[in-house]
PDB file of all heavy atoms in Angstrom:
ATOM      1  N   GLY A   1     170.528 305.335 203.994  1.00  0.00           N
ATOM      2  CA  GLY A   1     170.913 304.626 202.659  1.00  0.00           C
ATOM      3  C   GLY A   1     170.160 305.020 201.451  1.00  0.00           C
ATOM      4  O   GLY A   1     170.582 305.386 200.420  1.00  0.00           O
ATOM      5  N   VAL A   2     168.741 305.038 201.700  1.00  0.00           N
ATOM      6  CA  VAL A   2     167.838 305.443 200.621  1.00  0.00           C
ATOM      7  C   VAL A   2     168.180 307.065 200.208  1.00  0.00           C
ATOM      8  O   VAL A   2     168.228 307.363 198.953  1.00  0.00           O
ATOM      9  CB  VAL A   2     166.449 305.385 201.041  1.00  0.00           C
ATOM     10  CG1 VAL A   2     165.484 306.022 199.948  1.00  0.00           C
ATOM     11  CG2 VAL A   2     166.060 303.958 201.222  1.00  0.00           C
ATOM     12  N   ALA A   3     168.439 307.906 201.255  1.00  0.00           N
ATOM     13  CA  ALA A   3     168.726 309.306 200.989  1.00  0.00           C
ATOM     14  C   ALA A   3     169.995 309.411 200.094  1.00  0.00           C
ATOM     15  O   ALA A   3     170.164 310.144 199.167  1.00  0.00           O
ATOM     16  CB  ALA A   3     168.850 310.042 202.339  1.00  0.00           C
ATOM     17  N   ALA A   4     171.040 308.597 200.545  1.00  0.00           N
ATOM     18  CA  ALA A   4     172.234 308.626 199.741  1.00  0.00           C
ATOM     19  C   ALA A   4     172.042 308.048 198.297  1.00  0.00           C
ATOM     20  O   ALA A   4     172.685 308.609 197.434  1.00  0.00           O
ATOM     21  CB  ALA A   4     173.361 307.823 200.549  1.00  0.00           C
ATOM     22  N   GLY A   5     171.346 307.091 198.156  1.00  0.00           N
ATOM     23  CA  GLY A   5     171.018 306.453 196.842  1.00  0.00           C
ATOM     24  C   GLY A   5     170.308 307.537 195.967  1.00  0.00           C
ATOM     25  O   GLY A   5     170.747 307.638 194.712  1.00  0.00           O
ATOM     26  N   LEU A   6     169.341 308.281 196.474  1.00  0.00           N
ATOM     27  CA  LEU A   6     168.659 309.229 195.616  1.00  0.00           C
ATOM     28  C   LEU A   6     169.578 310.341 195.371  1.00  0.00           C
ATOM     29  O   LEU A   6     169.607 310.917 194.324  1.00  0.00           O
ATOM     30  CB  LEU A   6     167.497 309.817 196.470  1.00  0.00           C
ATOM     31  CG  LEU A   6     166.318 308.804 196.561  1.00  0.00           C
ATOM     32  CD1 LEU A   6     165.344 309.287 197.679  1.00  0.00           C
ATOM     33  CD2 LEU A   6     165.628 308.764 195.340  1.00  0.00           C
ATOM     34  N   ALA A   7     170.548 310.640 196.219  1.00  0.00           N
ATOM     35  CA  ALA A   7     171.403 311.794 195.932  1.00  0.00           C
ATOM     36  C   ALA A   7     172.473 311.366 194.920  1.00  0.00           C
ATOM     37  O   ALA A   7     172.832 312.268 194.134  1.00  0.00           O
ATOM     38  CB  ALA A   7     172.260 312.095 197.243  1.00  0.00           C
ATOM     39  N   ILE A   8     172.827 310.152 194.719  1.00  0.00           N
ATOM     40  CA  ILE A   8     173.752 309.772 193.691  1.00  0.00           C
ATOM     41  C   ILE A   8     173.029 309.795 192.318  1.00  0.00           C
ATOM     42  O   ILE A   8     173.711 310.048 191.363  1.00  0.00           O
ATOM     43  CB  ILE A   8     174.054 308.130 193.995  1.00  0.00           C
ATOM     44  CG1 ILE A   8     175.037 308.086 195.142  1.00  0.00           C
ATOM     45  CG2 ILE A   8     174.710 307.597 192.663  1.00  0.00           C
ATOM     46  CD1 ILE A   8     175.236 306.741 195.684  1.00  0.00           C
ATOM     47  N   THR A   9     171.637 309.763 192.302  1.00  0.00           N
ATOM     48  CA  THR A   9     170.971 309.903 191.010  1.00  0.00           C
ATOM     49  C   THR A   9     170.715 311.422 190.728  1.00  0.00           C
ATOM     50  O   THR A   9     170.110 311.660 189.624  1.00  0.00           O
ATOM     51  CB  THR A   9     169.566 309.190 191.073  1.00  0.00           C
ATOM     52  OG1 THR A   9     168.702 309.969 191.936  1.00  0.00           O
ATOM     53  CG2 THR A   9     169.714 307.841 191.572  1.00  0.00           C
ATOM     54  N   GLY A  10     171.246 312.297 191.478  1.00  0.00           N
ATOM     55  CA  GLY A  10     171.157 313.764 191.237  1.00  0.00           C
ATOM     56  C   GLY A  10     170.061 314.483 192.046  1.00  0.00           C
ATOM     57  O   GLY A  10     169.948 315.661 191.918  1.00  0.00           O
ATOM     58  N   LYS A  11     169.470 313.832 192.914  1.00  0.00           N
ATOM     59  CA  LYS A  11     168.528 314.391 193.922  1.00  0.00           C
ATOM     60  C   LYS A  11     169.183 315.129 195.109  1.00  0.00           C
ATOM     61  O   LYS A  11     170.314 314.803 195.483  1.00  0.00           O
ATOM     62  CB  LYS A  11     167.567 313.438 194.412  1.00  0.00           C
ATOM     63  CG  LYS A  11     166.695 312.784 193.280  1.00  0.00           C
ATOM     64  CD  LYS A  11     165.910 313.667 192.440  1.00  0.00           C
ATOM     65  CE  LYS A  11     165.096 313.011 191.412  1.00  0.00           C
ATOM     66  NZ  LYS A  11     164.411 313.816 190.552  1.00  0.00           N
ATOM     67  N   ILE A  12     168.589 316.125 195.615  1.00  0.00           N
ATOM     68  CA  ILE A  12     168.974 316.781 196.960  1.00  0.00           C
ATOM     69  C   ILE A  12     168.122 316.136 197.920  1.00  0.00           C
ATOM     70  O   ILE A  12     167.009 316.432 198.128  1.00  0.00           O
ATOM     71  CB  ILE A  12     168.975 318.140 196.803  1.00  0.00           C
ATOM     72  CG1 ILE A  12     169.772 318.845 195.692  1.00  0.00           C
ATOM     73  CG2 ILE A  12     169.341 318.925 198.197  1.00  0.00           C
ATOM     74  CD1 ILE A  12     169.427 320.189 195.336  1.00  0.00           C
ATOM     75  N   SER A  13     168.711 315.298 198.844  1.00  0.00           N
ATOM     76  CA  SER A  13     167.944 314.568 199.904  1.00  0.00           C
ATOM     77  C   SER A  13     167.934 315.209 201.205  1.00  0.00           C
ATOM     78  O   SER A  13     169.053 315.505 201.742  1.00  0.00           O
ATOM     79  CB  SER A  13     168.527 313.251 199.921  1.00  0.00           C
ATOM     80  OG  SER A  13     168.472 312.398 198.753  1.00  0.00           O
ATOM     81  N   PHE A  14     166.778 315.406 201.809  1.00  0.00           N
ATOM     82  CA  PHE A  14     166.573 315.869 203.116  1.00  0.00           C
ATOM     83  C   PHE A  14     166.062 314.613 203.975  1.00  0.00           C
ATOM     84  O   PHE A  14     164.814 314.273 203.694  1.00  0.00           O
ATOM     85  CB  PHE A  14     165.612 317.029 203.116  1.00  0.00           C
ATOM     86  CG  PHE A  14     166.145 318.355 202.829  1.00  0.00           C
ATOM     87  CD1 PHE A  14     166.584 318.693 201.537  1.00  0.00           C
ATOM     88  CD2 PHE A  14     166.432 319.299 203.819  1.00  0.00           C
ATOM     89  CE1 PHE A  14     167.000 319.930 201.304  1.00  0.00           C
ATOM     90  CE2 PHE A  14     167.009 320.530 203.537  1.00  0.00           C
ATOM     91  CZ  PHE A  14     167.314 320.887 202.081  1.00  0.00           C
ATOM     92  N   ALA A  15     166.943 314.199 204.839  1.00  0.00           N
ATOM     93  CA  ALA A  15     166.410 313.073 205.689  1.00  0.00           C
ATOM     94  C   ALA A  15     166.214 313.605 207.112  1.00  0.00           C
ATOM     95  O   ALA A  15     167.094 314.018 207.730  1.00  0.00           O
ATOM     96  CB  ALA A  15     167.612 311.947 205.696  1.00  0.00           C
ATOM     97  N   GLY A  16     164.821 313.427 207.444  1.00  0.00           N
ATOM     98  CA  GLY A  16     164.620 313.991 208.814  1.00  0.00           C
ATOM     99  C   GLY A  16     164.002 313.105 209.839  1.00  0.00           C
ATOM    100  O   GLY A  16     163.161 312.139 209.582  1.00  0.00           O
ATOM    101  N   THR A  17     164.388 313.358 211.043  1.00  0.00           N
ATOM    102  CA  THR A  17     163.850 312.608 212.240  1.00  0.00           C
ATOM    103  C   THR A  17     164.355 313.305 213.481  1.00  0.00           C
ATOM    104  O   THR A  17     165.005 314.481 213.442  1.00  0.00           O
ATOM    105  CB  THR A  17     164.345 311.167 212.250  1.00  0.00           C
ATOM    106  OG1 THR A  17     163.605 310.535 213.314  1.00  0.00           O
ATOM    107  CG2 THR A  17     165.791 310.923 212.484  1.00  0.00           C
ATOM    108  N   PHE A  18     164.013 312.821 214.676  1.00  0.00           N
ATOM    109  CA  PHE A  18     164.608 313.460 215.913  1.00  0.00           C
ATOM    110  C   PHE A  18     166.107 313.366 215.955  1.00  0.00           C
ATOM    111  O   PHE A  18     166.707 312.389 215.425  1.00  0.00           O
ATOM    112  CB  PHE A  18     164.092 312.647 217.130  1.00  0.00           C
ATOM    113  CG  PHE A  18     162.594 312.934 217.366  1.00  0.00           C
ATOM    114  CD1 PHE A  18     161.980 312.318 218.475  1.00  0.00           C
ATOM    115  CD2 PHE A  18     161.802 313.785 216.584  1.00  0.00           C
ATOM    116  CE1 PHE A  18     160.594 312.620 218.721  1.00  0.00           C
ATOM    117  CE2 PHE A  18     160.487 313.934 216.864  1.00  0.00           C
ATOM    118  CZ  PHE A  18     159.878 313.326 217.986  1.00  0.00           C
ATOM    119  N   ALA A  19     166.807 314.314 216.592  1.00  0.00           N
ATOM    120  CA  ALA A  19     168.182 314.479 216.548  1.00  0.00           C
ATOM    121  C   ALA A  19     168.937 313.163 217.064  1.00  0.00           C
ATOM    122  O   ALA A  19     169.889 312.738 216.561  1.00  0.00           O
ATOM    123  CB  ALA A  19     168.736 315.698 217.292  1.00  0.00           C
ATOM    124  N   GLY A  20     168.206 312.672 218.162  1.00  0.00           N
ATOM    125  CA  GLY A  20     168.814 311.423 218.652  1.00  0.00           C
ATOM    126  C   GLY A  20     168.892 310.259 217.734  1.00  0.00           C
ATOM    127  O   GLY A  20     169.843 309.462 217.714  1.00  0.00           O
ATOM    128  N   PHE A  21     167.890 310.122 216.937  1.00  0.00           N
ATOM    129  CA  PHE A  21     167.785 309.007 215.984  1.00  0.00           C
ATOM    130  C   PHE A  21     168.507 309.384 214.661  1.00  0.00           C
ATOM    131  O   PHE A  21     168.985 308.474 214.019  1.00  0.00           O
ATOM    132  CB  PHE A  21     166.164 308.785 215.603  1.00  0.00           C
ATOM    133  CG  PHE A  21     165.414 308.560 216.779  1.00  0.00           C
ATOM    134  CD1 PHE A  21     164.071 309.016 216.784  1.00  0.00           C
ATOM    135  CD2 PHE A  21     165.839 308.037 218.061  1.00  0.00           C
ATOM    136  CE1 PHE A  21     163.147 308.830 217.872  1.00  0.00           C
ATOM    137  CE2 PHE A  21     164.963 307.899 219.038  1.00  0.00           C
ATOM    138  CZ  PHE A  21     163.636 308.246 218.922  1.00  0.00           C
ATOM    139  N   ALA A  22     168.696 310.694 214.489  1.00  0.00           N
ATOM    140  CA  ALA A  22     169.352 311.076 213.169  1.00  0.00           C
ATOM    141  C   ALA A  22     170.871 311.013 213.239  1.00  0.00           C
ATOM    142  O   ALA A  22     171.519 311.139 212.244  1.00  0.00           O
ATOM    143  CB  ALA A  22     168.943 312.541 212.791  1.00  0.00           C
ATOM    144  N   THR A  23     171.373 310.758 214.399  1.00  0.00           N
ATOM    145  CA  THR A  23     172.794 310.804 214.520  1.00  0.00           C
ATOM    146  C   THR A  23     173.344 309.532 215.281  1.00  0.00           C
ATOM    147  O   THR A  23     173.973 308.627 214.603  1.00  0.00           O
ATOM    148  CB  THR A  23     173.362 311.990 215.418  1.00  0.00           C
ATOM    149  OG1 THR A  23     172.623 312.054 216.584  1.00  0.00           O
ATOM    150  CG2 THR A  23     173.043 313.316 214.675  1.00  0.00           C
ATOM    151  N   GLY A  24     173.117 309.341 216.546  1.00  0.00           N
ATOM    152  CA  GLY A  24     173.688 308.220 217.258  1.00  0.00           C
ATOM    153  C   GLY A  24     173.108 306.867 216.795  1.00  0.00           C
ATOM    154  O   GLY A  24     173.937 305.922 216.611  1.00  0.00           O
ATOM    155  N   ARG A  25     171.917 306.845 216.421  1.00  0.00           N
ATOM    156  CA  ARG A  25     171.319 305.435 215.991  1.00  0.00           C
ATOM    157  C   ARG A  25     171.885 305.189 214.557  1.00  0.00           C
ATOM    158  O   ARG A  25     171.918 303.932 214.267  1.00  0.00           O
ATOM    159  CB  ARG A  25     169.827 305.603 215.909  1.00  0.00           C
ATOM    160  CG  ARG A  25     169.046 304.376 215.592  1.00  0.00           C
ATOM    161  CD  ARG A  25     167.674 304.486 215.725  1.00  0.00           C
ATOM    162  NE  ARG A  25     167.168 304.425 217.166  1.00  0.00           N
ATOM    163  CZ  ARG A  25     165.837 304.275 217.528  1.00  0.00           C
ATOM    164  NH1 ARG A  25     164.904 304.408 216.757  1.00  0.00           N
ATOM    165  NH2 ARG A  25     165.717 304.390 218.836  1.00  0.00           N
ATOM    166  N   VAL A  26     172.252 306.003 213.899  1.00  0.00           N
ATOM    167  CA  VAL A  26     172.603 305.666 212.384  1.00  0.00           C
ATOM    168  C   VAL A  26     174.061 306.232 212.023  1.00  0.00           C
ATOM    169  O   VAL A  26     174.204 306.507 210.804  1.00  0.00           O
ATOM    170  CB  VAL A  26     171.620 306.365 211.328  1.00  0.00           C
ATOM    171  CG1 VAL A  26     170.248 305.684 211.603  1.00  0.00           C
ATOM    172  CG2 VAL A  26     171.450 307.838 211.596  1.00  0.00           C
ATOM    173  N   TYR A  27     174.901 306.265 212.954  1.00  0.00           N
ATOM    174  CA  TYR A  27     176.152 306.839 212.760  1.00  0.00           C
ATOM    175  C   TYR A  27     177.012 306.123 211.728  1.00  0.00           C
ATOM    176  O   TYR A  27     177.635 306.809 210.766  1.00  0.00           O
ATOM    177  CB  TYR A  27     176.979 306.911 213.976  1.00  0.00           C
ATOM    178  CG  TYR A  27     178.132 307.857 214.138  1.00  0.00           C
ATOM    179  CD1 TYR A  27     177.850 309.261 214.006  1.00  0.00           C
ATOM    180  CD2 TYR A  27     179.504 307.495 214.098  1.00  0.00           C
ATOM    181  CE1 TYR A  27     178.898 310.184 213.976  1.00  0.00           C
ATOM    182  CE2 TYR A  27     180.453 308.355 214.050  1.00  0.00           C
ATOM    183  CZ  TYR A  27     180.175 309.755 214.035  1.00  0.00           C
ATOM    184  OH  TYR A  27     181.318 310.640 213.938  1.00  0.00           O
ATOM    185  N   ASP A  28     176.872 304.792 211.704  1.00  0.00           N
ATOM    186  CA  ASP A  28     177.673 304.207 210.696  1.00  0.00           C
ATOM    187  C   ASP A  28     177.245 304.411 209.257  1.00  0.00           C
ATOM    188  O   ASP A  28     178.103 304.659 208.338  1.00  0.00           O
ATOM    189  CB  ASP A  28     177.563 302.570 210.971  1.00  0.00           C
ATOM    190  CG  ASP A  28     178.537 301.775 209.879  1.00  0.00           C
ATOM    191  OD1 ASP A  28     179.600 302.050 209.902  1.00  0.00           O
ATOM    192  OD2 ASP A  28     177.863 300.923 209.238  1.00  0.00           O
ATOM    193  N   GLN A  29     175.923 304.428 209.113  1.00  0.00           N
ATOM    194  CA  GLN A  29     175.428 304.755 207.755  1.00  0.00           C
ATOM    195  C   GLN A  29     175.697 306.172 207.328  1.00  0.00           C
ATOM    196  O   GLN A  29     176.025 306.553 206.150  1.00  0.00           O
ATOM    197  CB  GLN A  29     173.810 304.604 207.744  1.00  0.00           C
ATOM    198  CG  GLN A  29     173.307 303.250 207.688  1.00  0.00           C
ATOM    199  CD  GLN A  29     173.535 302.450 209.096  1.00  0.00           C
ATOM    200  OE1 GLN A  29     173.665 303.062 210.052  1.00  0.00           O
ATOM    201  NE2 GLN A  29     173.620 301.067 208.961  1.00  0.00           N
ATOM    202  N   ILE A  30     175.691 307.146 208.303  1.00  0.00           N
ATOM    203  CA  ILE A  30     176.084 308.530 207.975  1.00  0.00           C
ATOM    204  C   ILE A  30     177.635 308.519 207.550  1.00  0.00           C
ATOM    205  O   ILE A  30     177.952 309.183 206.514  1.00  0.00           O
ATOM    206  CB  ILE A  30     175.797 309.403 209.107  1.00  0.00           C
ATOM    207  CG1 ILE A  30     174.287 309.502 209.282  1.00  0.00           C
ATOM    208  CG2 ILE A  30     176.382 310.762 208.825  1.00  0.00           C
ATOM    209  CD1 ILE A  30     173.868 310.360 210.659  1.00  0.00           C
ATOM    210  N   ARG A  31     178.354 307.914 208.335  1.00  0.00           N
ATOM    211  CA  ARG A  31     179.833 307.946 208.119  1.00  0.00           C
ATOM    212  C   ARG A  31     180.226 307.382 206.703  1.00  0.00           C
ATOM    213  O   ARG A  31     180.979 308.011 205.893  1.00  0.00           O
ATOM    214  CB  ARG A  31     180.512 307.076 209.221  1.00  0.00           C
ATOM    215  CG  ARG A  31     182.050 307.175 208.947  1.00  0.00           C
ATOM    216  CD  ARG A  31     182.704 306.261 210.088  1.00  0.00           C
ATOM    217  NE  ARG A  31     184.162 306.510 210.051  1.00  0.00           N
ATOM    218  CZ  ARG A  31     184.903 305.738 209.361  1.00  0.00           C
ATOM    219  NH1 ARG A  31     184.429 304.943 208.654  1.00  0.00           N
ATOM    220  NH2 ARG A  31     186.288 305.942 209.326  1.00  0.00           N
ATOM    221  N   GLN A  32     179.566 306.210 206.411  1.00  0.00           N
ATOM    222  CA  GLN A  32     179.991 305.630 205.160  1.00  0.00           C
ATOM    223  C   GLN A  32     179.231 306.160 203.987  1.00  0.00           C
ATOM    224  O   GLN A  32     179.879 306.332 202.827  1.00  0.00           O
ATOM    225  CB  GLN A  32     179.634 303.907 205.312  1.00  0.00           C
ATOM    226  CG  GLN A  32     180.348 303.360 206.572  1.00  0.00           C
ATOM    227  CD  GLN A  32     181.880 303.291 206.429  1.00  0.00           C
ATOM    228  OE1 GLN A  32     182.411 303.616 205.452  1.00  0.00           O
ATOM    229  NE2 GLN A  32     182.439 302.832 207.471  1.00  0.00           N
ATOM    230  N   SER A  33     177.920 306.210 204.008  1.00  0.00           N
ATOM    231  CA  SER A  33     177.103 306.565 202.831  1.00  0.00           C
ATOM    232  C   SER A  33     176.948 307.964 202.629  1.00  0.00           C
ATOM    233  O   SER A  33     176.535 308.442 201.474  1.00  0.00           O
ATOM    234  CB  SER A  33     175.711 305.753 202.935  1.00  0.00           C
ATOM    235  OG  SER A  33     175.831 304.495 203.027  1.00  0.00           O
ATOM    236  N   VAL A  34     177.182 308.846 203.603  1.00  0.00           N
ATOM    237  CA  VAL A  34     176.950 310.267 203.544  1.00  0.00           C
ATOM    238  C   VAL A  34     178.278 311.026 203.517  1.00  0.00           C
ATOM    239  O   VAL A  34     178.641 311.587 202.515  1.00  0.00           O
ATOM    240  CB  VAL A  34     175.928 310.855 204.496  1.00  0.00           C
ATOM    241  CG1 VAL A  34     175.738 312.196 204.349  1.00  0.00           C
ATOM    242  CG2 VAL A  34     174.556 310.114 204.407  1.00  0.00           C
ATOM    243  N   ALA A  35     178.929 311.016 204.730  1.00  0.00           N
ATOM    244  CA  ALA A  35     180.162 311.759 204.808  1.00  0.00           C
ATOM    245  C   ALA A  35     181.262 311.203 203.925  1.00  0.00           C
ATOM    246  O   ALA A  35     181.915 311.941 203.132  1.00  0.00           O
ATOM    247  CB  ALA A  35     180.584 311.759 206.387  1.00  0.00           C
ATOM    248  N   TYR A  36     181.707 309.984 204.030  1.00  0.00           N
ATOM    249  CA  TYR A  36     182.789 309.441 203.306  1.00  0.00           C
ATOM    250  C   TYR A  36     182.494 309.488 201.915  1.00  0.00           C
ATOM    251  O   TYR A  36     183.375 309.848 201.153  1.00  0.00           O
ATOM    252  CB  TYR A  36     182.986 307.966 203.804  1.00  0.00           C
ATOM    253  CG  TYR A  36     184.095 307.314 202.948  1.00  0.00           C
ATOM    254  CD1 TYR A  36     185.404 307.486 202.973  1.00  0.00           C
ATOM    255  CD2 TYR A  36     183.645 306.224 202.091  1.00  0.00           C
ATOM    256  CE1 TYR A  36     186.330 306.953 202.204  1.00  0.00           C
ATOM    257  CE2 TYR A  36     184.626 305.588 201.158  1.00  0.00           C
ATOM    258  CZ  TYR A  36     185.962 305.930 201.408  1.00  0.00           C
ATOM    259  OH  TYR A  36     186.804 305.265 200.651  1.00  0.00           O
ATOM    260  N   SER A  37     181.219 309.201 201.503  1.00  0.00           N
ATOM    261  CA  SER A  37     180.948 309.229 200.016  1.00  0.00           C
ATOM    262  C   SER A  37     180.612 310.642 199.542  1.00  0.00           C
ATOM    263  O   SER A  37     180.403 310.661 198.342  1.00  0.00           O
ATOM    264  CB  SER A  37     179.709 308.334 199.865  1.00  0.00           C
ATOM    265  OG  SER A  37     179.987 307.037 200.205  1.00  0.00           O
ATOM    266  N   ARG A  38     180.584 311.619 200.374  1.00  0.00           N
ATOM    267  CA  ARG A  38     180.261 312.991 199.949  1.00  0.00           C
ATOM    268  C   ARG A  38     178.956 313.107 199.115  1.00  0.00           C
ATOM    269  O   ARG A  38     178.881 313.842 198.147  1.00  0.00           O
ATOM    270  CB  ARG A  38     181.404 313.599 199.161  1.00  0.00           C
ATOM    271  CG  ARG A  38     182.711 313.714 199.951  1.00  0.00           C
ATOM    272  CD  ARG A  38     183.669 314.604 199.275  1.00  0.00           C
ATOM    273  NE  ARG A  38     184.972 314.635 199.933  1.00  0.00           N
ATOM    274  CZ  ARG A  38     185.928 315.562 199.554  1.00  0.00           C
ATOM    275  NH1 ARG A  38     185.813 316.390 198.704  1.00  0.00           N
ATOM    276  NH2 ARG A  38     187.039 315.576 200.340  1.00  0.00           N
ATOM    277  N   THR A  39     177.989 312.309 199.648  1.00  0.00           N
ATOM    278  CA  THR A  39     176.627 312.436 198.885  1.00  0.00           C
ATOM    279  C   THR A  39     175.943 313.735 199.392  1.00  0.00           C
ATOM    280  O   THR A  39     176.106 314.171 200.508  1.00  0.00           O
ATOM    281  CB  THR A  39     175.837 311.289 199.170  1.00  0.00           C
ATOM    282  OG1 THR A  39     175.809 310.870 200.606  1.00  0.00           O
ATOM    283  CG2 THR A  39     176.352 309.973 198.538  1.00  0.00           C
ATOM    284  N   ASN A  40     175.082 314.198 198.535  1.00  0.00           N
ATOM    285  CA  ASN A  40     174.385 315.388 198.694  1.00  0.00           C
ATOM    286  C   ASN A  40     173.100 315.248 199.727  1.00  0.00           C
ATOM    287  O   ASN A  40     172.077 315.459 199.125  1.00  0.00           O
ATOM    288  CB  ASN A  40     173.898 316.192 197.384  1.00  0.00           C
ATOM    289  CG  ASN A  40     173.732 317.609 197.539  1.00  0.00           C
ATOM    290  OD1 ASN A  40     174.008 318.145 198.414  1.00  0.00           O
ATOM    291  ND2 ASN A  40     172.992 318.126 196.394  1.00  0.00           N
ATOM    292  N   VAL A  41     173.403 314.894 200.836  1.00  0.00           N
ATOM    293  CA  VAL A  41     172.264 314.481 201.822  1.00  0.00           C
ATOM    294  C   VAL A  41     172.348 315.570 202.943  1.00  0.00           C
ATOM    295  O   VAL A  41     173.377 315.809 203.492  1.00  0.00           O
ATOM    296  CB  VAL A  41     172.603 313.068 202.356  1.00  0.00           C
ATOM    297  CG1 VAL A  41     171.448 312.772 203.496  1.00  0.00           C
ATOM    298  CG2 VAL A  41     172.426 312.054 201.415  1.00  0.00           C
ATOM    299  N   LYS A  42     171.144 315.992 203.224  1.00  0.00           N
ATOM    300  CA  LYS A  42     170.959 316.954 204.391  1.00  0.00           C
ATOM    301  C   LYS A  42     170.258 316.224 205.514  1.00  0.00           C
ATOM    302  O   LYS A  42     169.174 315.797 205.371  1.00  0.00           O
ATOM    303  CB  LYS A  42     170.151 318.164 203.933  1.00  0.00           C
ATOM    304  CG  LYS A  42     170.408 318.638 202.577  1.00  0.00           C
ATOM    305  CD  LYS A  42     171.952 319.066 202.302  1.00  0.00           C
ATOM    306  CE  LYS A  42     172.103 319.342 200.743  1.00  0.00           C
ATOM    307  NZ  LYS A  42     173.556 319.625 200.483  1.00  0.00           N
ATOM    308  N   ILE A  43     170.993 316.035 206.646  1.00  0.00           N
ATOM    309  CA  ILE A  43     170.354 315.410 207.683  1.00  0.00           C
ATOM    310  C   ILE A  43     169.675 316.369 208.568  1.00  0.00           C
ATOM    311  O   ILE A  43     170.463 317.352 209.089  1.00  0.00           O
ATOM    312  CB  ILE A  43     171.589 314.653 208.528  1.00  0.00           C
ATOM    313  CG1 ILE A  43     172.168 313.497 207.611  1.00  0.00           C
ATOM    314  CG2 ILE A  43     170.888 313.964 209.892  1.00  0.00           C
ATOM    315  CD1 ILE A  43     173.633 313.132 208.160  1.00  0.00           C
TER     316      ILE A  43
END
């Protein structure tokens, strides 16, 4: 969510963690705040 918020302000956000945590654990946030919203976030 923070990464998406920073991207909305014009930043290029790199959000990093282990792959298991970066996808399955946060799928709803990625779907809504990153993919659906087309924010400039790099997971």
